Amino acid sequence: MTREQARQAFDRLRRANVEARYSADYTVSDEELDWLTDRVTRLQDTVRALCDERISR
């Protein structure tokens, strides 16, 4: 995915919070969903590592 596609996918995720609730026609492509899933997994891993490090101090 190009940088521009990644930006568009992120923008779609941001808008999804509101638009998906009020529009039955809201869609996300498989490629966007894969990208978003990967990013969320990375974020979870990062947060988990930082929390574990902080707790172990």
N, C-alpha and C. Protein backbone atom coordinates (compact mmCIF):
# COMPACT_ATOMS: atom_id res chain seq x y z
N MET A 1 0.85 -1.17 0.00
CA MET A 1 0.00 0.00 0.00
C MET A 1 0.90 1.23 0.00
N THR A 2 0.57 2.17 -0.86
CA THR A 2 1.37 3.39 -0.94
C THR A 2 1.07 4.30 0.25
N ARG A 3 1.91 5.30 0.42
CA ARG A 3 1.69 6.25 1.52
C ARG A 3 0.34 6.95 1.39
N GLU A 4 -0.02 7.31 0.17
CA GLU A 4 -1.31 7.97 -0.06
C GLU A 4 -2.47 7.03 0.28
N GLN A 5 -2.37 5.78 -0.11
CA GLN A 5 -3.40 4.81 0.21
C GLN A 5 -3.50 4.61 1.72
N ALA A 6 -2.36 4.61 2.39
CA ALA A 6 -2.35 4.46 3.85
C ALA A 6 -3.04 5.66 4.51
N ARG A 7 -2.78 6.84 4.01
CA ARG A 7 -3.43 8.04 4.54
C ARG A 7 -4.94 7.97 4.34
N GLN A 8 -5.34 7.52 3.16
CA GLN A 8 -6.77 7.40 2.88
C GLN A 8 -7.42 6.35 3.79
N ALA A 9 -6.72 5.26 4.02
CA ALA A 9 -7.26 4.22 4.90
C ALA A 9 -7.40 4.74 6.33
N PHE A 10 -6.40 5.48 6.79
CA PHE A 10 -6.48 6.06 8.13
C PHE A 10 -7.64 7.05 8.22
N ASP A 11 -7.79 7.89 7.21
CA ASP A 11 -8.90 8.85 7.19
C ASP A 11 -10.24 8.13 7.24
N ARG A 12 -10.34 7.02 6.52
CA ARG A 12 -11.58 6.25 6.53
C ARG A 12 -11.85 5.70 7.92
N LEU A 13 -10.84 5.21 8.59
CA LEU A 13 -11.01 4.70 9.95
C LEU A 13 -11.49 5.81 10.88
N ARG A 14 -10.91 6.97 10.73
CA ARG A 14 -11.30 8.12 11.56
C ARG A 14 -12.77 8.47 11.36
N ARG A 15 -13.20 8.49 10.10
CA ARG A 15 -14.59 8.83 9.79
C ARG A 15 -15.56 7.72 10.15
N ALA A 16 -15.08 6.49 10.19
CA ALA A 16 -15.94 5.33 10.42
C ALA A 16 -16.70 5.43 11.73
N ASN A 17 -16.10 6.01 12.72
CA ASN A 17 -16.74 6.11 14.02
C ASN A 17 -18.11 6.76 13.93
N VAL A 18 -18.24 7.77 13.09
CA VAL A 18 -19.52 8.46 12.95
C VAL A 18 -20.32 7.90 11.78
N GLU A 19 -19.70 7.81 10.62
CA GLU A 19 -20.43 7.46 9.41
C GLU A 19 -21.03 6.05 9.45
N ALA A 20 -20.32 5.09 9.99
CA ALA A 20 -20.82 3.71 9.99
C ALA A 20 -22.07 3.59 10.86
N ARG A 21 -22.18 4.41 11.84
CA ARG A 21 -23.37 4.36 12.71
C ARG A 21 -24.62 4.83 12.02
N TYR A 22 -24.48 5.76 11.08
CA TYR A 22 -25.64 6.41 10.49
C TYR A 22 -25.87 6.08 9.02
N SER A 23 -25.03 5.27 8.41
CA SER A 23 -25.18 4.96 6.99
C SER A 23 -25.08 3.46 6.76
N ALA A 24 -26.15 2.89 6.23
CA ALA A 24 -26.15 1.45 5.91
C ALA A 24 -25.25 1.15 4.71
N ASP A 25 -24.86 2.16 3.98
CA ASP A 25 -24.05 1.98 2.77
C ASP A 25 -22.55 2.10 3.03
N TYR A 26 -22.14 2.29 4.26
CA TYR A 26 -20.73 2.48 4.58
C TYR A 26 -19.98 1.18 4.32
N THR A 27 -18.89 1.25 3.58
CA THR A 27 -18.10 0.05 3.27
C THR A 27 -16.61 0.32 3.46
N VAL A 28 -15.87 -0.76 3.69
CA VAL A 28 -14.42 -0.73 3.78
C VAL A 28 -13.92 -1.88 2.90
N SER A 29 -12.95 -1.60 2.04
CA SER A 29 -12.44 -2.65 1.16
C SER A 29 -11.63 -3.67 1.95
N ASP A 30 -11.44 -4.84 1.38
CA ASP A 30 -10.62 -5.87 2.02
C ASP A 30 -9.19 -5.36 2.25
N GLU A 31 -8.67 -4.63 1.27
CA GLU A 31 -7.30 -4.10 1.39
C GLU A 31 -7.21 -3.11 2.55
N GLU A 32 -8.20 -2.23 2.66
CA GLU A 32 -8.20 -1.26 3.77
C GLU A 32 -8.34 -1.98 5.11
N LEU A 33 -9.20 -2.97 5.17
CA LEU A 33 -9.39 -3.71 6.41
C LEU A 33 -8.12 -4.44 6.81
N ASP A 34 -7.43 -5.04 5.84
CA ASP A 34 -6.16 -5.70 6.14
C ASP A 34 -5.14 -4.70 6.68
N TRP A 35 -5.05 -3.53 6.03
CA TRP A 35 -4.11 -2.51 6.47
C TRP A 35 -4.44 -2.05 7.89
N LEU A 36 -5.72 -1.78 8.13
CA LEU A 36 -6.14 -1.31 9.46
C LEU A 36 -5.89 -2.36 10.52
N THR A 37 -6.17 -3.61 10.20
CA THR A 37 -5.94 -4.70 11.15
C THR A 37 -4.46 -4.79 11.51
N ASP A 38 -3.60 -4.68 10.52
CA ASP A 38 -2.16 -4.72 10.76
C ASP A 38 -1.74 -3.56 11.66
N ARG A 39 -2.24 -2.38 11.39
CA ARG A 39 -1.86 -1.22 12.20
C ARG A 39 -2.36 -1.33 13.63
N VAL A 40 -3.57 -1.83 13.82
CA VAL A 40 -4.10 -2.00 15.17
C VAL A 40 -3.29 -3.04 15.93
N THR A 41 -2.91 -4.11 15.26
CA THR A 41 -2.08 -5.14 15.89
C THR A 41 -0.73 -4.56 16.31
N ARG A 42 -0.13 -3.76 15.44
CA ARG A 42 1.14 -3.12 15.79
C ARG A 42 0.98 -2.20 17.00
N LEU A 43 -0.11 -1.45 17.02
CA LEU A 43 -0.37 -0.54 18.14
C LEU A 43 -0.55 -1.34 19.43
N GLN A 44 -1.30 -2.42 19.38
CA GLN A 44 -1.49 -3.25 20.57
C GLN A 44 -0.16 -3.79 21.08
N ASP A 45 0.67 -4.28 20.17
CA ASP A 45 1.98 -4.82 20.56
C ASP A 45 2.85 -3.76 21.22
N THR A 46 2.83 -2.55 20.65
CA THR A 46 3.63 -1.46 21.19
C THR A 46 3.14 -1.06 22.58
N VAL A 47 1.83 -0.92 22.72
CA VAL A 47 1.27 -0.54 24.02
C VAL A 47 1.55 -1.62 25.05
N ARG A 48 1.39 -2.88 24.67
CA ARG A 48 1.66 -3.99 25.59
C ARG A 48 3.11 -3.96 26.07
N ALA A 49 4.04 -3.77 25.14
CA ALA A 49 5.46 -3.74 25.49
C ALA A 49 5.78 -2.57 26.42
N LEU A 50 5.22 -1.40 26.12
CA LEU A 50 5.47 -0.24 26.97
C LEU A 50 4.87 -0.42 28.37
N CYS A 51 3.68 -0.98 28.43
CA CYS A 51 3.04 -1.21 29.74
C CYS A 51 3.82 -2.25 30.54
N ASP A 52 4.23 -3.33 29.90
CA ASP A 52 5.01 -4.36 30.58
C ASP A 52 6.30 -3.78 31.12
N GLU A 53 6.95 -2.96 30.33
CA GLU A 53 8.20 -2.33 30.76
C GLU A 53 7.94 -1.42 31.96
N ARG A 54 6.89 -0.66 31.90
CA ARG A 54 6.59 0.28 32.98
C ARG A 54 6.22 -0.48 34.27
N ILE A 55 5.45 -1.53 34.13
CA ILE A 55 5.02 -2.32 35.30
C ILE A 55 6.20 -3.01 35.97
N SER A 56 7.18 -3.43 35.18
CA SER A 56 8.30 -4.18 35.73
C SER A 56 9.32 -3.28 36.45
N ARG A 57 9.15 -2.01 36.43
CA ARG A 57 10.09 -1.09 37.10
C ARG A 57 9.90 -1.10 38.58
